[in-house]
Amino acid sequence: MTETQKIASTVPNRHALLVGHFSTVGDVEVLHQIQRKLEAMGISYDVSPYTDARLAVDESWLDKHTLDPQRYTHLIVICGPFTPEMAIQHDAIFGRFQHCVHIGVNLTMVANTAQFNPFEVLLERDSDRIVRADLSFREDTKRVPVVGLCLASAQREYGDRRRGDLAAEKLRRLIASSGAAFIEMDTSVPAETNRFGLSSGAEFEAICSRLDVMLTTRLHGMVLALKNAVPVIAIDPVAGGDKVTRQARILGWPEVFAADQISAEELSDALSRCLSPEARRQAALIREKAVSSLSGFDQLFADAIEVEANPALRKYLTPPSGRIETLRKKLKSWKRARRNRRLQRRN
């Protein structure tokens, strides 16, 4: 038995209630530290967040309204700012547990402690009297993989072959079941149309190159990841396979799947493969192979410039010039002009 356990055992029937915002991952890390300390001391405890919405974070946390205050000897308030107004706001805790020993841990005391300090012991993070490093620094956190998630848009051009929603759902389930951290990304430009504010290929690739794995339904999500030696799990969002599948095959990248055929277990296996050093080595070879395969493109393009126009190839593309079509063109022109005026004002 350790010295702290010996000391704790001399006072029987201790039971602590741990409360706080618990609204950030840092809050929860500090909470875990206090839980472990109490367990080492042989002191039982329960956890109850200030707001009911936080109960979804951990199924073991309890609703403060259901607690019997007489069961508890200690109230330990963990993390975040603390003010007189907050104590009044959360009366279901601070009004009902006044008989407990109050301990403040890793708090920011907003008011002067000479005017407001309801704690028998205050081990604050910062106040007018002391500043300490945040306790999150002491948490030994498990490292998890970082994956990117890059999803295609609706792609209406594929009609009833579209499987983008199904593919996205399966990739999101893979992330949830794997416990990986993820960064959602978008290849759209300009920045105003990009869901995450990325404005260039350089920005996209800067993030992409730091990932462990890319999960994507977009062709360029796959291509730009492999360009940066990042293994990819690609799900083709088009039934029967389309550009994503064709590109993966020409590149020789094996981890591409059909949305309506791939199972959760198969995706999990694919993620395990992609997290291996061998997958990283295999991905690193793709760019060199792709660039080599395009070695004749410059000449093909130069030859294309010399070809004469043949408008007959496009006769069927000319729409009928009826009244409705004329109005449609005018509307598009008006929208285009309005958009340009807005961009000019911003610049």
Protein backbone atom coordinates (compact mmCIF):
# COMPACT_ATOMS: atom_id res chain seq x y z
CA MET A 1 0.00 0.00 0.00
CA THR A 2 1.38 3.44 -0.96
CA GLU A 3 1.67 6.31 1.51
CA THR A 4 -1.28 8.13 -0.11
CA GLN A 5 -3.42 5.00 0.13
CA LYS A 6 -2.51 4.65 3.83
CA ILE A 7 -3.53 8.24 4.49
CA ALA A 8 -6.77 7.86 2.53
CA SER A 9 -7.71 4.66 4.36
CA THR A 10 -7.68 6.43 7.73
CA VAL A 11 -10.83 8.38 6.78
CA PRO A 12 -13.61 5.96 5.80
CA ASN A 13 -16.64 6.50 3.57
CA ARG A 14 -15.18 9.18 1.37
CA HIS A 15 -17.11 9.68 -1.82
CA ALA A 16 -16.30 12.49 -4.26
CA LEU A 17 -18.36 14.21 -6.93
CA LEU A 18 -16.31 15.51 -9.87
CA VAL A 19 -17.95 18.41 -11.70
CA GLY A 20 -17.02 20.85 -14.44
CA HIS A 21 -17.76 22.06 -17.93
CA PHE A 22 -16.03 19.04 -19.53
CA SER A 23 -16.60 20.78 -22.85
CA THR A 24 -13.11 20.35 -24.32
CA VAL A 25 -10.77 17.41 -24.76
CA GLY A 26 -8.34 19.18 -22.42
CA ASP A 27 -11.00 19.27 -19.68
CA VAL A 28 -11.55 15.54 -20.09
CA GLU A 29 -7.82 14.80 -19.98
CA VAL A 30 -7.52 16.58 -16.63
CA LEU A 31 -10.64 14.81 -15.38
CA HIS A 32 -9.02 11.45 -16.19
CA GLN A 33 -5.98 12.41 -14.14
CA ILE A 34 -8.10 13.22 -11.09
CA GLN A 35 -10.06 9.99 -11.52
CA ARG A 36 -6.85 7.96 -11.51
CA LYS A 37 -5.58 9.80 -8.42
CA LEU A 38 -8.77 9.06 -6.51
CA GLU A 39 -8.66 5.41 -7.54
CA ALA A 40 -5.07 5.16 -6.31
CA MET A 41 -6.18 6.64 -3.00
CA GLY A 42 -9.07 4.21 -2.71
CA ILE A 43 -11.70 6.97 -2.86
CA SER A 44 -14.89 6.32 -4.83
CA TYR A 45 -16.32 9.01 -7.07
CA ASP A 46 -18.96 9.98 -9.62
CA VAL A 47 -18.75 12.47 -12.47
CA SER A 48 -21.44 15.00 -13.36
CA PRO A 49 -21.06 17.79 -15.96
CA TYR A 50 -22.58 21.22 -15.46
CA THR A 51 -24.87 20.85 -18.49
CA ASP A 52 -27.01 17.88 -19.48
CA ALA A 53 -25.79 18.07 -23.09
CA ARG A 54 -22.35 16.83 -21.94
CA LEU A 55 -23.79 13.58 -20.59
CA ALA A 56 -23.41 12.17 -24.12
CA VAL A 57 -19.60 12.37 -23.82
CA ASP A 58 -19.41 9.43 -21.42
CA GLU A 59 -22.22 7.03 -20.56
CA SER A 60 -20.88 6.64 -17.00
CA TRP A 61 -21.43 10.33 -16.19
CA LEU A 62 -24.48 11.10 -14.05
CA ASP A 63 -27.26 13.66 -14.24
CA LYS A 64 -26.71 16.09 -11.35
CA HIS A 65 -30.44 16.32 -10.68
CA THR A 66 -30.63 12.62 -9.80
CA LEU A 67 -27.84 12.68 -7.21
CA ASP A 68 -28.33 12.45 -3.44
CA PRO A 69 -26.03 15.11 -1.94
CA GLN A 70 -25.74 13.22 1.35
CA ARG A 71 -23.80 10.43 -0.37
CA TYR A 72 -20.85 12.75 -1.03
CA THR A 73 -18.08 14.11 1.17
CA HIS A 74 -16.05 16.01 -1.47
CA LEU A 75 -16.94 18.24 -4.40
CA ILE A 76 -14.06 18.57 -6.85
CA VAL A 77 -14.50 21.30 -9.47
CA ILE A 78 -12.30 20.71 -12.51
CA CYS A 79 -11.14 23.03 -15.32
CA GLY A 80 -12.42 26.13 -16.99
CA PRO A 81 -13.21 29.65 -15.78
CA PHE A 82 -15.02 29.96 -12.46
CA THR A 83 -17.06 32.95 -11.31
CA PRO A 84 -19.67 33.77 -8.64
CA GLU A 85 -22.27 33.91 -11.41
CA MET A 86 -21.46 30.37 -12.51
CA ALA A 87 -21.87 29.07 -8.97
CA ILE A 88 -25.34 30.63 -8.86
CA GLN A 89 -26.22 29.43 -12.36
CA HIS A 90 -25.42 25.83 -11.46
CA ASP A 91 -27.35 25.84 -8.22
CA ALA A 92 -28.24 22.16 -8.67
CA ILE A 93 -24.61 21.51 -7.78
CA PHE A 94 -23.31 24.41 -5.74
CA GLY A 95 -26.55 24.99 -3.87
CA ARG A 96 -27.06 21.36 -2.89
CA PHE A 97 -23.52 20.22 -2.06
CA GLN A 98 -22.42 22.99 0.30
CA HIS A 99 -21.69 20.50 3.09
CA CYS A 100 -18.93 18.86 0.99
CA VAL A 101 -15.27 19.76 1.09
CA HIS A 102 -14.82 21.92 -2.03
CA ILE A 103 -11.59 21.49 -4.01
CA GLY A 104 -10.89 23.55 -7.14
CA VAL A 105 -8.54 21.96 -9.67
CA ASN A 106 -7.04 23.58 -12.81
CA LEU A 107 -9.51 26.48 -12.68
CA THR A 108 -9.19 30.01 -13.99
CA MET A 109 -10.45 32.23 -11.17
CA VAL A 110 -11.90 35.24 -12.96
CA ALA A 111 -12.65 37.30 -9.85
CA ASN A 112 -10.12 38.39 -7.26
CA THR A 113 -9.61 35.49 -4.85
CA ALA A 114 -9.79 37.83 -1.84
CA GLN A 115 -13.42 38.54 -2.80
CA PHE A 116 -14.39 35.11 -4.17
CA ASN A 117 -12.90 31.78 -3.18
CA PRO A 118 -15.50 29.18 -2.10
CA PHE A 119 -12.91 26.38 -1.89
CA GLU A 120 -11.33 24.84 1.16
CA VAL A 121 -8.44 24.02 -1.17
CA LEU A 122 -7.86 25.85 -4.45
CA LEU A 123 -5.31 24.32 -6.83
CA GLU A 124 -6.01 26.78 -9.59
CA ARG A 125 -4.47 27.01 -13.02
CA ASP A 126 -4.43 30.80 -12.80
CA SER A 127 -5.74 33.54 -10.56
CA ASP A 128 -4.60 36.88 -9.18
CA ARG A 129 -2.31 35.03 -6.77
CA ILE A 130 -0.65 32.29 -8.88
CA VAL A 131 -0.31 30.84 -12.39
CA ARG A 132 0.45 27.17 -13.04
CA ALA A 133 0.94 25.17 -16.23
CA ASP A 134 -2.25 23.46 -17.35
CA LEU A 135 -2.55 19.90 -16.05
CA SER A 136 -3.11 18.59 -19.59
CA PHE A 137 0.68 18.64 -19.95
CA ARG A 138 0.85 15.69 -17.54
CA GLU A 139 -1.54 13.47 -19.47
CA ASP A 140 0.23 10.70 -21.38
CA THR A 141 -2.10 10.55 -24.37
CA LYS A 142 -2.14 7.60 -26.75
CA ARG A 143 -1.07 8.46 -30.29
CA VAL A 144 -3.67 7.67 -32.94
CA PRO A 145 -3.46 7.80 -36.75
CA VAL A 146 -4.46 10.99 -38.55
CA VAL A 147 -6.56 10.46 -41.66
CA GLY A 148 -7.93 12.90 -44.19
CA LEU A 149 -11.51 12.72 -45.42
CA CYS A 150 -12.11 14.19 -48.87
CA LEU A 151 -15.59 13.64 -50.30
CA ALA A 152 -16.96 14.27 -53.77
CA SER A 153 -19.91 16.57 -54.37
CA ALA A 154 -23.31 15.34 -55.55
CA GLN A 155 -22.08 14.66 -59.13
CA ARG A 156 -25.57 14.74 -60.66
CA GLU A 157 -24.11 13.93 -64.07
CA TYR A 158 -24.00 10.26 -63.07
CA GLY A 159 -27.76 10.01 -62.48
CA ASP A 160 -28.91 6.80 -60.82
CA ARG A 161 -25.34 5.48 -60.75
CA ARG A 162 -24.48 7.86 -57.92
CA ARG A 163 -23.30 6.16 -54.74
CA GLY A 164 -21.55 9.13 -53.09
CA ASP A 165 -23.78 9.21 -50.01
CA LEU A 166 -23.27 5.50 -49.40
CA ALA A 167 -19.51 5.81 -49.86
CA ALA A 168 -19.32 8.80 -47.49
CA GLU A 169 -21.35 6.97 -44.86
CA LYS A 170 -19.02 3.96 -44.99
CA LEU A 171 -15.91 6.11 -44.69
CA ARG A 172 -17.34 8.03 -41.73
CA ARG A 173 -18.20 4.74 -40.03
CA LEU A 174 -14.64 3.56 -40.63
CA ILE A 175 -13.28 6.67 -38.92
CA ALA A 176 -15.63 6.23 -35.95
CA SER A 177 -14.80 2.54 -35.48
CA SER A 178 -11.03 2.98 -35.93
CA GLY A 179 -10.60 5.73 -33.35
CA ALA A 180 -8.44 7.70 -35.78
CA ALA A 181 -8.27 11.47 -35.72
CA PHE A 182 -9.51 12.97 -38.98
CA ILE A 183 -9.30 16.19 -40.93
CA GLU A 184 -12.06 16.84 -43.43
CA MET A 185 -10.80 18.45 -46.63
CA ASP A 186 -12.24 19.86 -49.84
CA THR A 187 -10.62 20.32 -53.24
CA SER A 188 -13.01 23.06 -54.42
CA VAL A 189 -11.79 26.55 -55.35
CA PRO A 190 -12.05 29.50 -54.85
CA ALA A 191 -11.87 29.69 -51.06
CA GLU A 192 -15.43 31.04 -50.92
CA THR A 193 -16.75 27.74 -52.28
CA ASN A 194 -14.41 25.54 -50.27
CA ARG A 195 -16.16 24.15 -47.19
CA PHE A 196 -12.97 24.38 -45.13
CA GLY A 197 -11.48 27.58 -46.53
CA LEU A 198 -8.66 26.05 -48.58
CA SER A 199 -7.81 28.24 -51.54
CA SER A 200 -5.07 26.43 -53.48
CA GLY A 201 -3.47 23.13 -54.31
CA ALA A 202 -0.48 24.16 -52.21
CA GLU A 203 -2.68 24.49 -49.11
CA PHE A 204 -4.44 21.20 -49.78
CA GLU A 205 -1.18 19.34 -50.35
CA ALA A 206 0.50 20.93 -47.32
CA ILE A 207 -2.14 19.31 -45.11
CA CYS A 208 -2.36 16.17 -47.21
CA SER A 209 1.38 15.46 -46.97
CA ARG A 210 1.16 15.32 -43.17
CA LEU A 211 -1.57 12.65 -43.07
CA ASP A 212 -1.11 8.97 -42.29
CA VAL A 213 -3.89 7.92 -44.70
CA MET A 214 -6.36 9.66 -47.01
CA LEU A 215 -9.96 8.42 -47.19
CA THR A 216 -11.69 9.74 -50.28
CA THR A 217 -14.38 9.48 -52.91
CA ARG A 218 -12.73 12.16 -55.07
CA LEU A 219 -10.29 11.53 -57.87
CA HIS A 220 -8.07 14.43 -56.82
CA GLY A 221 -8.32 13.42 -53.18
CA MET A 222 -6.69 10.15 -54.23
CA VAL A 223 -4.24 11.63 -56.75
CA LEU A 224 -2.90 14.44 -54.54
CA ALA A 225 -2.48 12.07 -51.60
CA LEU A 226 -0.49 9.56 -53.66
CA LYS A 227 1.50 12.44 -55.17
CA ASN A 228 2.63 13.14 -51.59
CA ALA A 229 3.36 9.47 -50.76
CA VAL A 230 0.26 9.15 -48.58
CA PRO A 231 -1.61 5.82 -48.79
CA VAL A 232 -5.24 6.09 -49.87
CA ILE A 233 -8.48 4.25 -49.31
CA ALA A 234 -10.65 5.29 -52.26
CA ILE A 235 -14.32 4.40 -52.68
CA ASP A 236 -15.64 5.06 -56.16
CA PRO A 237 -18.88 7.05 -55.76
CA VAL A 238 -20.21 5.80 -59.11
CA ALA A 239 -21.81 2.36 -59.45
CA GLY A 240 -19.85 0.12 -61.80
CA GLY A 241 -16.73 2.21 -61.32
CA ASP A 242 -15.70 5.37 -63.13
CA LYS A 243 -12.80 7.83 -63.09
CA VAL A 244 -11.64 7.00 -59.54
CA THR A 245 -11.38 3.29 -60.29
CA ARG A 246 -9.78 3.84 -63.69
CA GLN A 247 -7.18 6.20 -62.23
CA ALA A 248 -6.31 3.82 -59.38
CA ARG A 249 -5.81 0.98 -61.83
CA ILE A 250 -3.56 2.92 -64.19
CA LEU A 251 -1.49 4.05 -61.20
CA GLY A 252 -1.31 0.53 -59.82
CA TRP A 253 -2.85 1.52 -56.48
CA PRO A 254 -4.82 -1.45 -55.05
CA GLU A 255 -6.96 0.12 -52.29
CA VAL A 256 -9.95 1.23 -54.38
CA PHE A 257 -13.44 -0.16 -53.77
CA ALA A 258 -17.03 -0.13 -55.00
CA ALA A 259 -19.39 1.68 -52.63
CA ASP A 260 -22.15 -0.95 -52.83
CA GLN A 261 -19.81 -3.93 -52.40
CA ILE A 262 -17.20 -3.05 -49.76
CA SER A 263 -17.96 -4.17 -46.19
CA ALA A 264 -17.02 -2.49 -42.92
CA GLU A 265 -14.65 -5.33 -42.10
CA GLU A 266 -12.92 -5.05 -45.47
CA LEU A 267 -12.48 -1.31 -45.00
CA SER A 268 -11.00 -1.89 -41.55
CA ASP A 269 -8.52 -4.37 -43.05
CA ALA A 270 -7.66 -1.84 -45.77
CA LEU A 271 -6.95 0.82 -43.14
CA SER A 272 -4.61 -1.56 -41.34
CA ARG A 273 -2.76 -2.20 -44.59
CA CYS A 274 -2.54 1.50 -45.40
CA LEU A 275 -1.05 2.27 -41.98
CA SER A 276 1.84 -0.11 -42.61
CA PRO A 277 5.35 1.04 -43.64
CA GLU A 278 4.99 -1.06 -46.80
CA ALA A 279 1.94 0.93 -47.92
CA ARG A 280 3.86 4.17 -47.38
CA ARG A 281 6.73 2.84 -49.51
CA GLN A 282 4.31 1.68 -52.20
CA ALA A 283 2.58 5.09 -52.27
CA ALA A 284 5.95 6.83 -52.58
CA LEU A 285 6.60 5.01 -55.87
CA ILE A 286 3.34 6.14 -57.47
CA ARG A 287 4.34 9.71 -58.31
CA GLU A 288 7.50 8.66 -60.15
CA LYS A 289 5.54 6.04 -62.08
CA ALA A 290 2.76 8.51 -62.96
CA VAL A 291 5.13 11.26 -64.12
CA SER A 292 7.06 8.75 -66.24
CA SER A 293 3.85 7.58 -67.89
CA LEU A 294 3.10 11.17 -68.96
CA SER A 295 6.49 11.78 -70.60
CA GLY A 296 5.00 12.09 -74.09
CA PHE A 297 2.25 14.53 -73.14
CA ASP A 298 4.12 17.72 -74.08
CA GLN A 299 4.50 16.57 -77.67
CA LEU A 300 0.87 15.47 -77.86
CA PHE A 301 -0.18 18.92 -76.68
CA ALA A 302 2.10 20.69 -79.13
CA ASP A 303 0.64 18.59 -81.95
CA ALA A 304 -2.88 19.46 -80.80
CA ILE A 305 -2.21 23.18 -81.23
CA GLU A 306 -1.54 22.59 -84.95
CA VAL A 307 -4.86 20.87 -85.69
CA GLU A 308 -7.41 22.87 -87.72
CA ALA A 309 -10.88 23.59 -86.35
CA ASN A 310 -13.81 21.39 -87.42
CA PRO A 311 -17.06 23.05 -86.22
CA ALA A 312 -19.10 20.17 -87.65
CA LEU A 313 -18.06 18.13 -84.62
CA ARG A 314 -20.11 20.48 -82.44
CA LYS A 315 -23.25 21.16 -84.44
CA TYR A 316 -25.44 19.13 -82.08
CA LEU A 317 -24.17 21.16 -79.08
CA THR A 318 -25.88 24.37 -80.24
CA PRO A 319 -29.12 24.75 -78.18
CA PRO A 320 -32.37 25.95 -79.81
CA SER A 321 -32.72 29.73 -79.62
CA GLY A 322 -36.33 29.86 -78.36
CA ARG A 323 -37.84 32.36 -75.92
CA ILE A 324 -37.19 30.25 -72.81
CA GLU A 325 -33.59 29.64 -73.78
CA THR A 326 -33.08 33.37 -74.37
CA LEU A 327 -34.48 34.21 -70.93
CA ARG A 328 -32.29 31.54 -69.34
CA LYS A 329 -29.18 33.05 -70.90
CA LYS A 330 -30.15 36.52 -69.71
CA LEU A 331 -30.64 35.22 -66.17
CA LYS A 332 -27.25 33.52 -66.19
CA SER A 333 -25.64 36.67 -67.53
CA TRP A 334 -27.26 38.76 -64.79
CA LYS A 335 -26.08 36.33 -62.08
CA ARG A 336 -22.58 36.37 -63.51
CA ALA A 337 -22.46 40.17 -63.50
CA ARG A 338 -23.76 40.31 -59.91
CA ARG A 339 -21.12 37.82 -58.76
CA ASN A 340 -18.37 39.84 -60.44
CA ARG A 341 -19.58 43.06 -58.77
CA ARG A 342 -19.43 41.35 -55.36
CA LEU A 343 -15.90 40.10 -56.00
CA GLN A 344 -14.79 43.60 -57.06
CA ARG A 345 -16.21 45.11 -53.87
CA ARG A 346 -14.32 42.56 -51.76
CA ASN A 347 -11.08 43.30 -53.54
